[in-house]
Amino acid sequence: MPVELEIRDGDPWWISPDIWVVPGQNPEGSAGAPIVGQSNFIWARIKNKGTSSVNNAVVRFYWADPSVGFDRNTAHLVGTSNVNLLSNESADVLCLTPWIPEYVNDGHECVLAEAFHSSLDPLPATPDFNVPTDRHVAQRNLSVVHALRGFFAFPFVVHNIVRTEQTFELKVMQGKLKELEPFRDRLGIDLPKREGQLVRTAFVESRCPVENIDDDKEASQLSVGVPGKGSRATTLSGRIEGGAVLVHVGQYRNDCLVGGLSVLVVS
């Protein structure tokens, strides 16, 4: 393909190492967690893997609730930038419009970016982002939360982007801290060295659950029905031991992984 724009996915695909946030007034400052109510700047690394150069490729930047299952209609456009790239060239592109995060879902938010050229390398004709299959778009849905005496809670929203009711399975998986190695300079904190253990999880309705998790509610999986074009809020609560833990929450429909989010839980 003459022009082939790409933003790299992560592993899992919703934690791209090529999207990051710089909090504060200086977009050239250090990367870190976005600060609610203040100016932040979003960056994305774009690569042209094609054999032809491209001028004025478009890069769009979005933010969304820390959710699973959203599209261009439910995400919020922050701003648009342009970039010129030679064949096999990469560039770090800044969203010139500052992003001022809102206090939703306790301040946890994810960011997305997409790169395309309207005629030489257009986007697919769908509102869906299709992150794992579309090289144009990538997602950074990684949050950092602190555990108190080993206990943590993370509220988020499950979206249904189609018009009919759907049932999703939410599954909790423990990742490895080494998966965050590509983020070492963009986490805003030192990458933890001590691997912990996820010993208990539960999905609860309360946004501020009590520290003691009911044995009857302990589960690493939840079946949730969501009305068409609707959403449902839930909270992942849990307990860790022995160090930091990377937690992945995958959203499945008919055993197919369709979305997800990740949480780095530190003591």
C-alpha atoms as a PDB file:
ATOM      1  CA  MET A   1       0.000   0.000   0.000  1.00  0.00           C
ATOM      2  CA  PRO A   2       1.539   3.389  -0.986  1.00  0.00           C
ATOM      3  CA  VAL A   3       0.557   5.112   2.293  1.00  0.00           C
ATOM      4  CA  GLU A   4       0.053   2.980   5.394  1.00  0.00           C
ATOM      5  CA  LEU A   5      -0.406   4.954   8.611  1.00  0.00           C
ATOM      6  CA  GLU A   6      -0.252   3.126  11.917  1.00  0.00           C
ATOM      7  CA  ILE A   7      -0.425   3.753  15.653  1.00  0.00           C
ATOM      8  CA  ARG A   8       0.963   0.762  17.471  1.00  0.00           C
ATOM      9  CA  ASP A   9      -1.287  -1.355  19.687  1.00  0.00           C
ATOM     10  CA  GLY A  10      -0.203  -2.734  23.023  1.00  0.00           C
ATOM     11  CA  ASP A  11      -0.454  -6.185  24.578  1.00  0.00           C
ATOM     12  CA  PRO A  12      -3.321  -6.401  25.327  1.00  0.00           C
ATOM     13  CA  TRP A  13      -4.304  -4.112  22.493  1.00  0.00           C
ATOM     14  CA  TRP A  14      -6.020  -1.463  24.648  1.00  0.00           C
ATOM     15  CA  ILE A  15      -2.764  -0.327  26.312  1.00  0.00           C
ATOM     16  CA  SER A  16      -0.891   1.261  23.399  1.00  0.00           C
ATOM     17  CA  PRO A  17       2.640   2.455  24.294  1.00  0.00           C
ATOM     18  CA  ASP A  18       2.425   5.085  21.525  1.00  0.00           C
ATOM     19  CA  ILE A  19      -0.211   7.281  23.171  1.00  0.00           C
ATOM     20  CA  TRP A  20       0.646   9.302  26.271  1.00  0.00           C
ATOM     21  CA  VAL A  21      -0.396  12.328  28.292  1.00  0.00           C
ATOM     22  CA  VAL A  22       1.712  15.240  29.564  1.00  0.00           C
ATOM     23  CA  PRO A  23       0.003  17.009  32.478  1.00  0.00           C
ATOM     24  CA  GLY A  24       0.521  20.736  32.998  1.00  0.00           C
ATOM     25  CA  GLN A  25       1.008  23.791  30.822  1.00  0.00           C
ATOM     26  CA  ASN A  26       4.152  22.578  29.034  1.00  0.00           C
ATOM     27  CA  PRO A  27       3.449  19.965  26.349  1.00  0.00           C
ATOM     28  CA  GLU A  28       7.172  19.144  26.273  1.00  0.00           C
ATOM     29  CA  GLY A  29       7.133  18.172  29.950  1.00  0.00           C
ATOM     30  CA  SER A  30       7.240  14.734  31.515  1.00  0.00           C
ATOM     31  CA  ALA A  31       4.551  12.200  30.769  1.00  0.00           C
ATOM     32  CA  GLY A  32       2.235  11.238  33.587  1.00  0.00           C
ATOM     33  CA  ALA A  33      -1.313  10.658  34.706  1.00  0.00           C
ATOM     34  CA  PRO A  34      -3.824  13.309  33.541  1.00  0.00           C
ATOM     35  CA  ILE A  35      -4.874  15.860  36.168  1.00  0.00           C
ATOM     36  CA  VAL A  36      -8.596  16.454  36.446  1.00  0.00           C
ATOM     37  CA  GLY A  37      -9.678  20.079  35.947  1.00  0.00           C
ATOM     38  CA  GLN A  38      -6.300  21.235  34.603  1.00  0.00           C
ATOM     39  CA  SER A  39      -4.660  21.416  31.185  1.00  0.00           C
ATOM     40  CA  ASN A  40      -3.095  18.232  29.839  1.00  0.00           C
ATOM     41  CA  PHE A  41      -1.612  17.467  26.428  1.00  0.00           C
ATOM     42  CA  ILE A  42      -2.023  14.247  24.460  1.00  0.00           C
ATOM     43  CA  TRP A  43       0.688  12.855  22.194  1.00  0.00           C
ATOM     44  CA  ALA A  44       0.699   9.973  19.709  1.00  0.00           C
ATOM     45  CA  ARG A  45       3.503   8.368  17.733  1.00  0.00           C
ATOM     46  CA  ILE A  46       2.487   7.863  14.099  1.00  0.00           C
ATOM     47  CA  LYS A  47       4.347   5.707  11.582  1.00  0.00           C
ATOM     48  CA  ASN A  48       4.001   5.564   7.807  1.00  0.00           C
ATOM     49  CA  LYS A  49       4.735   1.935   6.939  1.00  0.00           C
ATOM     50  CA  GLY A  50       3.925   2.528   3.270  1.00  0.00           C
ATOM     51  CA  THR A  51       6.198   3.061   0.289  1.00  0.00           C
ATOM     52  CA  SER A  52       5.017   6.625  -0.469  1.00  0.00           C
ATOM     53  CA  SER A  53       5.257   9.833   1.554  1.00  0.00           C
ATOM     54  CA  VAL A  54       2.158  11.628   2.810  1.00  0.00           C
ATOM     55  CA  ASN A  55       1.430  15.303   3.499  1.00  0.00           C
ATOM     56  CA  ASN A  56      -1.220  16.607   5.874  1.00  0.00           C
ATOM     57  CA  ALA A  57      -2.267  13.271   7.285  1.00  0.00           C
ATOM     58  CA  VAL A  58      -4.896  13.832   9.948  1.00  0.00           C
ATOM     59  CA  VAL A  59      -4.478  12.760  13.566  1.00  0.00           C
ATOM     60  CA  ARG A  60      -7.535  12.875  15.825  1.00  0.00           C
ATOM     61  CA  PHE A  61      -7.394  12.626  19.597  1.00  0.00           C
ATOM     62  CA  TYR A  62     -10.252  11.432  21.815  1.00  0.00           C
ATOM     63  CA  TRP A  63     -10.996  10.748  25.456  1.00  0.00           C
ATOM     64  CA  ALA A  64     -13.614   8.428  26.923  1.00  0.00           C
ATOM     65  CA  ASP A  65     -14.825   7.133  30.252  1.00  0.00           C
ATOM     66  CA  PRO A  66     -12.751   4.162  31.452  1.00  0.00           C
ATOM     67  CA  SER A  67     -15.131   1.902  29.640  1.00  0.00           C
ATOM     68  CA  VAL A  68     -15.305  -1.217  27.579  1.00  0.00           C
ATOM     69  CA  GLY A  69     -17.177  -1.000  24.294  1.00  0.00           C
ATOM     70  CA  PHE A  70     -17.327   2.590  22.998  1.00  0.00           C
ATOM     71  CA  ASP A  71     -17.138   4.083  19.496  1.00  0.00           C
ATOM     72  CA  ARG A  72     -16.699   7.470  17.806  1.00  0.00           C
ATOM     73  CA  ASN A  73     -20.222   8.424  18.851  1.00  0.00           C
ATOM     74  CA  THR A  74     -19.613   7.884  22.570  1.00  0.00           C
ATOM     75  CA  ALA A  75     -15.971   9.042  22.751  1.00  0.00           C
ATOM     76  CA  HIS A  76     -15.199  12.778  23.030  1.00  0.00           C
ATOM     77  CA  LEU A  77     -13.073  14.517  20.395  1.00  0.00           C
ATOM     78  CA  VAL A  78     -10.298  16.611  21.992  1.00  0.00           C
ATOM     79  CA  GLY A  79      -8.659  18.020  18.879  1.00  0.00           C
ATOM     80  CA  THR A  80      -7.078  17.385  15.488  1.00  0.00           C
ATOM     81  CA  SER A  81      -3.504  17.764  14.223  1.00  0.00           C
ATOM     82  CA  ASN A  82      -1.657  17.118  10.948  1.00  0.00           C
ATOM     83  CA  VAL A  83       1.607  15.406  10.114  1.00  0.00           C
ATOM     84  CA  ASN A  84       3.862  14.904   7.083  1.00  0.00           C
ATOM     85  CA  LEU A  85       5.683  11.573   6.890  1.00  0.00           C
ATOM     86  CA  LEU A  86       8.148  10.025   4.484  1.00  0.00           C
ATOM     87  CA  SER A  87       8.042   6.318   3.746  1.00  0.00           C
ATOM     88  CA  ASN A  88       8.908   4.320   6.888  1.00  0.00           C
ATOM     89  CA  GLU A  89       9.148   7.508   8.959  1.00  0.00           C
ATOM     90  CA  SER A  90       7.722   7.982  12.470  1.00  0.00           C
ATOM     91  CA  ALA A  91       6.811  11.197  14.256  1.00  0.00           C
ATOM     92  CA  ASP A  92       5.480  12.208  17.656  1.00  0.00           C
ATOM     93  CA  VAL A  93       2.365  14.286  17.064  1.00  0.00           C
ATOM     94  CA  LEU A  94       0.949  16.698  19.636  1.00  0.00           C
ATOM     95  CA  CYS A  95      -2.719  17.515  20.017  1.00  0.00           C
ATOM     96  CA  LEU A  96      -2.517  21.315  20.076  1.00  0.00           C
ATOM     97  CA  THR A  97      -5.839  21.581  21.896  1.00  0.00           C
ATOM     98  CA  PRO A  98      -5.288  21.140  25.643  1.00  0.00           C
ATOM     99  CA  TRP A  99      -7.374  18.453  27.269  1.00  0.00           C
ATOM    100  CA  ILE A 100      -9.055  19.317  30.562  1.00  0.00           C
ATOM    101  CA  PRO A 101     -10.327  16.012  31.981  1.00  0.00           C
ATOM    102  CA  GLU A 102     -13.690  15.975  33.683  1.00  0.00           C
ATOM    103  CA  TYR A 103     -14.263  14.254  37.009  1.00  0.00           C
ATOM    104  CA  VAL A 104     -16.133  11.194  35.762  1.00  0.00           C
ATOM    105  CA  ASN A 105     -15.688   7.697  37.140  1.00  0.00           C
ATOM    106  CA  ASP A 106     -13.489   9.099  39.927  1.00  0.00           C
ATOM    107  CA  GLY A 107     -11.218  10.823  37.441  1.00  0.00           C
ATOM    108  CA  HIS A 108     -10.123   7.730  35.521  1.00  0.00           C
ATOM    109  CA  GLU A 109     -10.230   8.245  31.777  1.00  0.00           C
ATOM    110  CA  CYS A 110      -8.728   6.661  28.679  1.00  0.00           C
ATOM    111  CA  VAL A 111      -7.423   8.272  25.494  1.00  0.00           C
ATOM    112  CA  LEU A 112      -7.455   7.239  21.836  1.00  0.00           C
ATOM    113  CA  ALA A 113      -5.812   8.476  18.667  1.00  0.00           C
ATOM    114  CA  GLU A 114      -6.309   7.723  14.985  1.00  0.00           C
ATOM    115  CA  ALA A 115      -4.241   8.675  11.932  1.00  0.00           C
ATOM    116  CA  PHE A 116      -5.468   8.705   8.343  1.00  0.00           C
ATOM    117  CA  HIS A 117      -5.500  10.521   5.009  1.00  0.00           C
ATOM    118  CA  SER A 118      -8.936  11.069   3.459  1.00  0.00           C
ATOM    119  CA  SER A 119      -7.915   9.901  -0.026  1.00  0.00           C
ATOM    120  CA  LEU A 120      -4.572   8.101   0.264  1.00  0.00           C
ATOM    121  CA  ASP A 121      -5.305   6.090   3.402  1.00  0.00           C
ATOM    122  CA  PRO A 122      -8.926   6.540   4.555  1.00  0.00           C
ATOM    123  CA  LEU A 123     -10.584   5.171   7.669  1.00  0.00           C
ATOM    124  CA  PRO A 124     -13.057   2.280   7.460  1.00  0.00           C
ATOM    125  CA  ALA A 125     -16.653   3.392   6.887  1.00  0.00           C
ATOM    126  CA  THR A 126     -17.919   2.575  10.375  1.00  0.00           C
ATOM    127  CA  PRO A 127     -18.261   4.420  13.690  1.00  0.00           C
ATOM    128  CA  ASP A 128     -16.529   1.525  15.436  1.00  0.00           C
ATOM    129  CA  PHE A 129     -12.882   2.017  16.360  1.00  0.00           C
ATOM    130  CA  ASN A 130     -11.997  -1.685  15.814  1.00  0.00           C
ATOM    131  CA  VAL A 131      -8.696  -1.128  17.588  1.00  0.00           C
ATOM    132  CA  PRO A 132      -7.226  -4.648  17.311  1.00  0.00           C
ATOM    133  CA  THR A 133      -7.882  -4.940  13.570  1.00  0.00           C
ATOM    134  CA  ASP A 134      -7.486  -1.332  12.343  1.00  0.00           C
ATOM    135  CA  ARG A 135      -3.897  -0.035  12.245  1.00  0.00           C
ATOM    136  CA  HIS A 136      -5.135   3.576  12.016  1.00  0.00           C
ATOM    137  CA  VAL A 137      -6.342   3.697  15.621  1.00  0.00           C
ATOM    138  CA  ALA A 138      -4.946   2.834  19.037  1.00  0.00           C
ATOM    139  CA  GLN A 139      -6.180   3.111  22.588  1.00  0.00           C
ATOM    140  CA  ARG A 140      -4.551   3.829  25.953  1.00  0.00           C
ATOM    141  CA  ASN A 141      -6.887   2.446  28.598  1.00  0.00           C
ATOM    142  CA  LEU A 142      -4.508   2.022  31.501  1.00  0.00           C
ATOM    143  CA  SER A 143      -5.124   3.527  34.929  1.00  0.00           C
ATOM    144  CA  VAL A 144      -3.081   3.504  38.122  1.00  0.00           C
ATOM    145  CA  VAL A 145      -4.888   3.036  41.433  1.00  0.00           C
ATOM    146  CA  HIS A 146      -3.562   2.747  44.964  1.00  0.00           C
ATOM    147  CA  ALA A 147      -4.450  -0.060  47.313  1.00  0.00           C
ATOM    148  CA  LEU A 148      -5.085   0.639  50.997  1.00  0.00           C
ATOM    149  CA  ARG A 149      -4.078  -2.323  53.160  1.00  0.00           C
ATOM    150  CA  GLY A 150      -4.188  -4.327  49.929  1.00  0.00           C
ATOM    151  CA  PHE A 151      -7.762  -3.332  49.028  1.00  0.00           C
ATOM    152  CA  PHE A 152      -8.624  -1.445  45.819  1.00  0.00           C
ATOM    153  CA  ALA A 153     -11.703  -0.389  43.845  1.00  0.00           C
ATOM    154  CA  PHE A 154     -12.048   0.785  40.247  1.00  0.00           C
ATOM    155  CA  PRO A 155     -15.403   1.991  38.822  1.00  0.00           C
ATOM    156  CA  PHE A 156     -16.053   1.816  35.097  1.00  0.00           C
ATOM    157  CA  VAL A 157     -18.858   1.644  32.532  1.00  0.00           C
ATOM    158  CA  VAL A 158     -19.849  -1.066  30.057  1.00  0.00           C
ATOM    159  CA  HIS A 159     -21.218   0.403  26.807  1.00  0.00           C
ATOM    160  CA  ASN A 160     -23.389  -1.277  24.186  1.00  0.00           C
ATOM    161  CA  ILE A 161     -22.897   0.461  20.837  1.00  0.00           C
ATOM    162  CA  VAL A 162     -25.620  -1.387  18.904  1.00  0.00           C
ATOM    163  CA  ARG A 163     -29.374  -0.770  18.967  1.00  0.00           C
ATOM    164  CA  THR A 164     -30.378  -4.107  20.462  1.00  0.00           C
ATOM    165  CA  GLU A 165     -29.734  -5.416  23.962  1.00  0.00           C
ATOM    166  CA  GLN A 166     -26.583  -7.478  24.339  1.00  0.00           C
ATOM    167  CA  THR A 167     -25.096  -9.627  27.071  1.00  0.00           C
ATOM    168  CA  PHE A 168     -21.371  -9.363  27.783  1.00  0.00           C
ATOM    169  CA  GLU A 169     -19.033 -11.384  29.948  1.00  0.00           C
ATOM    170  CA  LEU A 170     -16.466  -9.432  31.964  1.00  0.00           C
ATOM    171  CA  LYS A 171     -13.427 -11.496  32.891  1.00  0.00           C
ATOM    172  CA  VAL A 172     -10.589 -10.508  35.221  1.00  0.00           C
ATOM    173  CA  MET A 173      -7.064 -11.638  34.403  1.00  0.00           C
ATOM    174  CA  GLN A 174      -3.785 -10.889  36.153  1.00  0.00           C
ATOM    175  CA  GLY A 175      -1.090  -9.636  33.820  1.00  0.00           C
ATOM    176  CA  LYS A 176       2.661  -9.356  34.315  1.00  0.00           C
ATOM    177  CA  LEU A 177       4.495  -6.157  35.227  1.00  0.00           C
ATOM    178  CA  LYS A 178       6.895  -6.784  32.326  1.00  0.00           C
ATOM    179  CA  GLU A 179       3.976  -5.967  29.997  1.00  0.00           C
ATOM    180  CA  LEU A 180       4.423  -2.343  31.111  1.00  0.00           C
ATOM    181  CA  GLU A 181       8.077  -2.153  30.079  1.00  0.00           C
ATOM    182  CA  PRO A 182       7.208  -0.106  26.921  1.00  0.00           C
ATOM    183  CA  PHE A 183       5.575   2.441  29.272  1.00  0.00           C
ATOM    184  CA  ARG A 184       8.580   2.890  31.542  1.00  0.00           C
ATOM    185  CA  ASP A 185       9.041   6.569  30.621  1.00  0.00           C
ATOM    186  CA  ARG A 186       5.328   7.333  30.224  1.00  0.00           C
ATOM    187  CA  LEU A 187       3.638   6.010  33.353  1.00  0.00           C
ATOM    188  CA  GLY A 188       4.241   9.070  35.506  1.00  0.00           C
ATOM    189  CA  ILE A 189       5.500   6.782  38.269  1.00  0.00           C
ATOM    190  CA  ASP A 190       8.472   4.462  38.601  1.00  0.00           C
ATOM    191  CA  LEU A 191       7.656   1.062  37.196  1.00  0.00           C
ATOM    192  CA  PRO A 192       7.181  -1.257  40.202  1.00  0.00           C
ATOM    193  CA  LYS A 193       9.721  -4.072  40.462  1.00  0.00           C
ATOM    194  CA  ARG A 194       7.993  -6.373  42.922  1.00  0.00           C
ATOM    195  CA  GLU A 195       5.299  -8.587  41.394  1.00  0.00           C
ATOM    196  CA  GLY A 196       2.286  -9.094  43.638  1.00  0.00           C
ATOM    197  CA  GLN A 197      -0.631 -11.469  43.563  1.00  0.00           C
ATOM    198  CA  LEU A 198      -4.293 -10.780  42.874  1.00  0.00           C
ATOM    199  CA  VAL A 199      -5.960 -12.844  45.590  1.00  0.00           C
ATOM    200  CA  ARG A 200      -9.583 -11.707  45.502  1.00  0.00           C
ATOM    201  CA  THR A 201     -11.924  -9.845  43.135  1.00  0.00           C
ATOM    202  CA  ALA A 202     -15.595  -8.956  42.953  1.00  0.00           C
ATOM    203  CA  PHE A 203     -17.847  -6.866  40.728  1.00  0.00           C
ATOM    204  CA  VAL A 204     -20.114  -4.686  42.884  1.00  0.00           C
ATOM    205  CA  GLU A 205     -22.678  -1.975  42.196  1.00  0.00           C
ATOM    206  CA  SER A 206     -21.331   0.553  44.715  1.00  0.00           C
ATOM    207  CA  ARG A 207     -18.814   3.108  43.407  1.00  0.00           C
ATOM    208  CA  CYS A 208     -17.226   3.166  46.875  1.00  0.00           C
ATOM    209  CA  PRO A 209     -17.418  -0.430  48.101  1.00  0.00           C
ATOM    210  CA  VAL A 210     -16.561  -1.445  51.636  1.00  0.00           C
ATOM    211  CA  GLU A 211     -13.200  -3.010  52.219  1.00  0.00           C
ATOM    212  CA  ASN A 212     -14.549  -6.424  53.184  1.00  0.00           C
ATOM    213  CA  ILE A 213     -15.671  -8.333  50.096  1.00  0.00           C
ATOM    214  CA  ASP A 214     -18.551 -10.689  50.712  1.00  0.00           C
ATOM    215  CA  ASP A 215     -17.545 -14.293  49.987  1.00  0.00           C
ATOM    216  CA  ASP A 216     -20.761 -14.751  48.053  1.00  0.00           C
ATOM    217  CA  LYS A 217     -19.808 -11.912  45.724  1.00  0.00           C
ATOM    218  CA  GLU A 218     -16.244 -12.998  45.095  1.00  0.00           C
ATOM    219  CA  ALA A 219     -15.865 -13.566  41.367  1.00  0.00           C
ATOM    220  CA  SER A 220     -13.459 -12.980  38.511  1.00  0.00           C
ATOM    221  CA  GLN A 221     -16.274 -12.999  35.965  1.00  0.00           C
ATOM    222  CA  LEU A 222     -19.578 -11.149  35.508  1.00  0.00           C
ATOM    223  CA  SER A 223     -22.390 -11.576  33.004  1.00  0.00           C
ATOM    224  CA  VAL A 224     -23.990  -8.188  32.323  1.00  0.00           C
ATOM    225  CA  GLY A 225     -26.938  -7.304  30.108  1.00  0.00           C
ATOM    226  CA  VAL A 226     -26.797  -3.848  28.527  1.00  0.00           C
ATOM    227  CA  PRO A 227     -29.749  -2.268  26.653  1.00  0.00           C
ATOM    228  CA  GLY A 228     -29.328  -1.089  23.081  1.00  0.00           C
ATOM    229  CA  LYS A 229     -27.309   2.141  22.849  1.00  0.00           C
ATOM    230  CA  GLY A 230     -27.102   2.016  26.635  1.00  0.00           C
ATOM    231  CA  SER A 231     -24.553   1.475  29.365  1.00  0.00           C
ATOM    232  CA  ARG A 232     -24.205  -0.078  32.773  1.00  0.00           C
ATOM    233  CA  ALA A 233     -21.869   0.969  35.563  1.00  0.00           C
ATOM    234  CA  THR A 234     -20.031  -1.453  37.802  1.00  0.00           C
ATOM    235  CA  THR A 235     -16.996  -1.447  40.084  1.00  0.00           C
ATOM    236  CA  LEU A 236     -14.158  -3.913  40.204  1.00  0.00           C
ATOM    237  CA  SER A 237     -12.998  -4.350  43.790  1.00  0.00           C
ATOM    238  CA  GLY A 238     -10.290  -6.658  44.979  1.00  0.00           C
ATOM    239  CA  ARG A 239      -7.316  -7.383  47.159  1.00  0.00           C
ATOM    240  CA  ILE A 240      -3.638  -7.761  46.340  1.00  0.00           C
ATOM    241  CA  GLU A 241      -0.717  -9.179  48.281  1.00  0.00           C
ATOM    242  CA  GLY A 242       3.041  -8.951  48.015  1.00  0.00           C
ATOM    243  CA  GLY A 243       3.554  -6.062  45.593  1.00  0.00           C
ATOM    244  CA  ALA A 244       2.103  -4.305  42.562  1.00  0.00           C
ATOM    245  CA  VAL A 245      -0.404  -6.093  40.337  1.00  0.00           C
ATOM    246  CA  LEU A 246      -1.445  -5.460  36.728  1.00  0.00           C
ATOM    247  CA  VAL A 247      -5.136  -6.310  36.284  1.00  0.00           C
ATOM    248  CA  HIS A 248      -6.825  -6.753  32.906  1.00  0.00           C
ATOM    249  CA  VAL A 249     -10.614  -6.720  32.503  1.00  0.00           C
ATOM    250  CA  GLY A 250     -11.706  -8.192  29.185  1.00  0.00           C
ATOM    251  CA  GLN A 251     -15.177  -7.731  27.670  1.00  0.00           C
ATOM    252  CA  TYR A 252     -16.403 -10.743  25.714  1.00  0.00           C
ATOM    253  CA  ARG A 253     -19.418 -11.281  23.480  1.00  0.00           C
ATOM    254  CA  ASN A 254     -20.076 -14.854  22.381  1.00  0.00           C
ATOM    255  CA  ASP A 255     -16.563 -15.794  23.564  1.00  0.00           C
ATOM    256  CA  CYS A 256     -15.047 -13.058  21.356  1.00  0.00           C
ATOM    257  CA  LEU A 257     -12.915 -10.372  23.014  1.00  0.00           C
ATOM    258  CA  VAL A 258     -14.440  -7.012  22.020  1.00  0.00           C
ATOM    259  CA  GLY A 259     -12.931  -4.560  24.524  1.00  0.00           C
ATOM    260  CA  GLY A 260     -11.098  -4.127  27.768  1.00  0.00           C
ATOM    261  CA  LEU A 261      -9.275  -1.971  30.273  1.00  0.00           C
ATOM    262  CA  SER A 262      -6.244  -2.392  32.515  1.00  0.00           C
ATOM    263  CA  VAL A 263      -5.443  -1.202  36.011  1.00  0.00           C
ATOM    264  CA  LEU A 264      -2.040  -1.075  37.673  1.00  0.00           C
ATOM    265  CA  VAL A 265      -2.670  -1.532  41.393  1.00  0.00           C
ATOM    266  CA  VAL A 266       0.149  -0.317  43.642  1.00  0.00           C
ATOM    267  CA  SER A 267       0.422  -0.261  47.415  1.00  0.00           C
END
